[in-house]
Amino acid sequence: MNKKNTSDISIKVTLDENKIPESLHWSAQDSGIKNKPSKAIFMSVWDHKAKEALRIDLWTKDMPLDEMKVFFYQTLRALADTFEKATNDYKMSATMHDFCDYFAEKMELKK
């Protein structure tokens, strides 16, 4: 009989009186990450029955705008990379990477 393993990833959100995130901490059991602070978290989960993506987009009220722009840029690049791995659609992945370069240029992220 095959023994199945499970792993937990958790996010702890501390809210102010207006329910705005003040702090975010995440833990990933298998990676040895415990209660690591973060300023922003974007997460998508595929609902296969409804055929739609469910999202959690959180950032703390003290997340610097310049860091948010870099976070978006890096997230977009990661999505393009993941899209390529998941679909083997190299042409569309290249198009997505072109957009990432355009985004970085317009946000003045590249020196």
C-alpha atoms as a PDB file:
ATOM      1  CA  MET A   1       0.000   0.000   0.000  1.00  0.00           C
ATOM      2  CA  ASN A   2       1.334   3.440  -0.933  1.00  0.00           C
ATOM      3  CA  LYS A   3       1.545   5.909   1.903  1.00  0.00           C
ATOM      4  CA  LYS A   4       0.413   9.379   0.851  1.00  0.00           C
ATOM      5  CA  ASN A   5       2.167  12.435   2.188  1.00  0.00           C
ATOM      6  CA  THR A   6       0.551  15.750   2.934  1.00  0.00           C
ATOM      7  CA  SER A   7       2.053  19.165   3.463  1.00  0.00           C
ATOM      8  CA  ASP A   8       0.626  22.366   4.894  1.00  0.00           C
ATOM      9  CA  ILE A   9       1.143  25.900   3.657  1.00  0.00           C
ATOM     10  CA  SER A  10      -0.464  28.544   5.840  1.00  0.00           C
ATOM     11  CA  ILE A  11      -0.921  32.302   5.799  1.00  0.00           C
ATOM     12  CA  LYS A  12      -1.557  34.321   8.946  1.00  0.00           C
ATOM     13  CA  VAL A  13      -3.112  37.753   8.406  1.00  0.00           C
ATOM     14  CA  THR A  14      -3.275  40.344  11.174  1.00  0.00           C
ATOM     15  CA  LEU A  15      -5.934  42.987  10.476  1.00  0.00           C
ATOM     16  CA  ASP A  16      -6.455  46.464  11.871  1.00  0.00           C
ATOM     17  CA  GLU A  17      -9.832  47.710  13.119  1.00  0.00           C
ATOM     18  CA  ASN A  18     -10.889  48.392   9.492  1.00  0.00           C
ATOM     19  CA  LYS A  19      -9.908  44.877   8.392  1.00  0.00           C
ATOM     20  CA  ILE A  20      -6.877  46.151   6.458  1.00  0.00           C
ATOM     21  CA  PRO A  21      -3.859  43.808   6.653  1.00  0.00           C
ATOM     22  CA  GLU A  22      -1.237  45.066   9.082  1.00  0.00           C
ATOM     23  CA  SER A  23       1.002  42.037   8.840  1.00  0.00           C
ATOM     24  CA  LEU A  24       1.300  38.853   6.814  1.00  0.00           C
ATOM     25  CA  HIS A  25       3.216  35.743   7.843  1.00  0.00           C
ATOM     26  CA  TRP A  26       3.468  32.466   5.986  1.00  0.00           C
ATOM     27  CA  SER A  27       4.682  28.986   6.787  1.00  0.00           C
ATOM     28  CA  ALA A  28       5.527  26.066   4.509  1.00  0.00           C
ATOM     29  CA  GLN A  29       6.016  22.857   6.428  1.00  0.00           C
ATOM     30  CA  ASP A  30       8.157  20.978   3.881  1.00  0.00           C
ATOM     31  CA  SER A  31      10.398  23.960   3.138  1.00  0.00           C
ATOM     32  CA  GLY A  32      11.240  24.651   6.757  1.00  0.00           C
ATOM     33  CA  ILE A  33       9.650  28.104   6.546  1.00  0.00           C
ATOM     34  CA  LYS A  34       7.867  29.087   9.733  1.00  0.00           C
ATOM     35  CA  ASN A  35       6.050  32.332  10.368  1.00  0.00           C
ATOM     36  CA  LYS A  36       8.049  34.287   7.758  1.00  0.00           C
ATOM     37  CA  PRO A  37       6.915  37.905   7.357  1.00  0.00           C
ATOM     38  CA  SER A  38       5.804  39.268   4.007  1.00  0.00           C
ATOM     39  CA  LYS A  39       4.357  42.548   2.752  1.00  0.00           C
ATOM     40  CA  ALA A  40       2.249  41.039  -0.063  1.00  0.00           C
ATOM     41  CA  ILE A  41       0.788  37.718  -1.156  1.00  0.00           C
ATOM     42  CA  PHE A  42      -0.979  36.853  -4.402  1.00  0.00           C
ATOM     43  CA  MET A  43      -2.485  33.391  -4.636  1.00  0.00           C
ATOM     44  CA  SER A  44      -4.703  31.735  -7.237  1.00  0.00           C
ATOM     45  CA  VAL A  45      -6.606  28.508  -6.814  1.00  0.00           C
ATOM     46  CA  TRP A  46      -8.328  26.718  -9.706  1.00  0.00           C
ATOM     47  CA  ASP A  47     -11.951  25.749  -9.048  1.00  0.00           C
ATOM     48  CA  HIS A  48     -12.320  22.909 -11.558  1.00  0.00           C
ATOM     49  CA  LYS A  49     -16.082  22.621 -11.105  1.00  0.00           C
ATOM     50  CA  ALA A  50     -16.798  26.296 -11.751  1.00  0.00           C
ATOM     51  CA  LYS A  51     -13.914  26.523 -14.267  1.00  0.00           C
ATOM     52  CA  GLU A  52     -12.615  29.720 -12.712  1.00  0.00           C
ATOM     53  CA  ALA A  53      -9.654  31.029 -10.779  1.00  0.00           C
ATOM     54  CA  LEU A  54     -10.237  32.071  -7.192  1.00  0.00           C
ATOM     55  CA  ARG A  55      -7.815  34.682  -5.903  1.00  0.00           C
ATOM     56  CA  ILE A  56      -6.426  35.996  -2.686  1.00  0.00           C
ATOM     57  CA  ASP A  57      -4.600  39.293  -3.155  1.00  0.00           C
ATOM     58  CA  LEU A  58      -3.308  40.761   0.094  1.00  0.00           C
ATOM     59  CA  TRP A  59      -0.786  43.447   0.914  1.00  0.00           C
ATOM     60  CA  THR A  60      -0.036  45.341   4.065  1.00  0.00           C
ATOM     61  CA  LYS A  61      -0.807  49.019   4.360  1.00  0.00           C
ATOM     62  CA  ASP A  62       2.920  49.746   4.677  1.00  0.00           C
ATOM     63  CA  MET A  63       3.889  47.942   1.438  1.00  0.00           C
ATOM     64  CA  PRO A  64       6.058  50.473  -0.442  1.00  0.00           C
ATOM     65  CA  LEU A  65       4.772  51.403  -3.902  1.00  0.00           C
ATOM     66  CA  ASP A  66       8.161  50.852  -5.556  1.00  0.00           C
ATOM     67  CA  GLU A  67       8.348  47.346  -4.070  1.00  0.00           C
ATOM     68  CA  MET A  68       4.772  46.619  -5.214  1.00  0.00           C
ATOM     69  CA  LYS A  69       5.764  47.455  -8.788  1.00  0.00           C
ATOM     70  CA  VAL A  70       8.737  45.076  -8.587  1.00  0.00           C
ATOM     71  CA  PHE A  71       6.513  42.414  -7.007  1.00  0.00           C
ATOM     72  CA  PHE A  72       4.047  42.696  -9.891  1.00  0.00           C
ATOM     73  CA  TYR A  73       6.856  42.532 -12.439  1.00  0.00           C
ATOM     74  CA  GLN A  74       8.401  39.443 -10.869  1.00  0.00           C
ATOM     75  CA  THR A  75       4.966  37.809 -10.537  1.00  0.00           C
ATOM     76  CA  LEU A  76       4.179  38.467 -14.205  1.00  0.00           C
ATOM     77  CA  ARG A  77       7.540  36.950 -15.236  1.00  0.00           C
ATOM     78  CA  ALA A  78       6.890  33.925 -13.036  1.00  0.00           C
ATOM     79  CA  LEU A  79       3.450  33.487 -14.617  1.00  0.00           C
ATOM     80  CA  ALA A  80       5.005  33.571 -18.092  1.00  0.00           C
ATOM     81  CA  ASP A  81       7.569  30.945 -17.024  1.00  0.00           C
ATOM     82  CA  THR A  82       4.914  28.749 -15.425  1.00  0.00           C
ATOM     83  CA  PHE A  83       2.660  29.103 -18.468  1.00  0.00           C
ATOM     84  CA  GLU A  84       5.496  27.826 -20.659  1.00  0.00           C
ATOM     85  CA  LYS A  85       6.179  24.839 -18.377  1.00  0.00           C
ATOM     86  CA  ALA A  86       2.485  23.970 -18.084  1.00  0.00           C
ATOM     87  CA  THR A  87       1.537  24.306 -21.753  1.00  0.00           C
ATOM     88  CA  ASN A  88       4.752  24.093 -23.817  1.00  0.00           C
ATOM     89  CA  ASP A  89       3.386  27.110 -25.691  1.00  0.00           C
ATOM     90  CA  TYR A  90       6.713  28.818 -26.316  1.00  0.00           C
ATOM     91  CA  LYS A  91       5.318  31.421 -28.684  1.00  0.00           C
ATOM     92  CA  MET A  92       2.751  32.757 -26.215  1.00  0.00           C
ATOM     93  CA  SER A  93       5.277  32.565 -23.391  1.00  0.00           C
ATOM     94  CA  ALA A  94       7.652  34.725 -25.440  1.00  0.00           C
ATOM     95  CA  THR A  95       4.819  37.196 -26.010  1.00  0.00           C
ATOM     96  CA  MET A  96       4.142  37.275 -22.286  1.00  0.00           C
ATOM     97  CA  HIS A  97       7.834  37.896 -21.597  1.00  0.00           C
ATOM     98  CA  ASP A  98       7.769  40.751 -24.132  1.00  0.00           C
ATOM     99  CA  PHE A  99       4.912  42.286 -22.175  1.00  0.00           C
ATOM    100  CA  CYS A 100       6.928  41.884 -18.960  1.00  0.00           C
ATOM    101  CA  ASP A 101       9.793  43.791 -20.572  1.00  0.00           C
ATOM    102  CA  TYR A 102       7.339  46.513 -21.652  1.00  0.00           C
ATOM    103  CA  PHE A 103       5.878  46.641 -18.121  1.00  0.00           C
ATOM    104  CA  ALA A 104       9.350  46.986 -16.593  1.00  0.00           C
ATOM    105  CA  GLU A 105      10.219  49.759 -19.032  1.00  0.00           C
ATOM    106  CA  LYS A 106       7.029  51.730 -18.353  1.00  0.00           C
ATOM    107  CA  MET A 107       7.399  51.279 -14.581  1.00  0.00           C
ATOM    108  CA  GLU A 108      11.066  52.312 -14.915  1.00  0.00           C
ATOM    109  CA  LEU A 109      12.215  49.113 -13.191  1.00  0.00           C
ATOM    110  CA  LYS A 110      15.127  48.346 -15.488  1.00  0.00           C
ATOM    111  CA  LYS A 111      18.275  50.372 -15.085  1.00  0.00           C
END
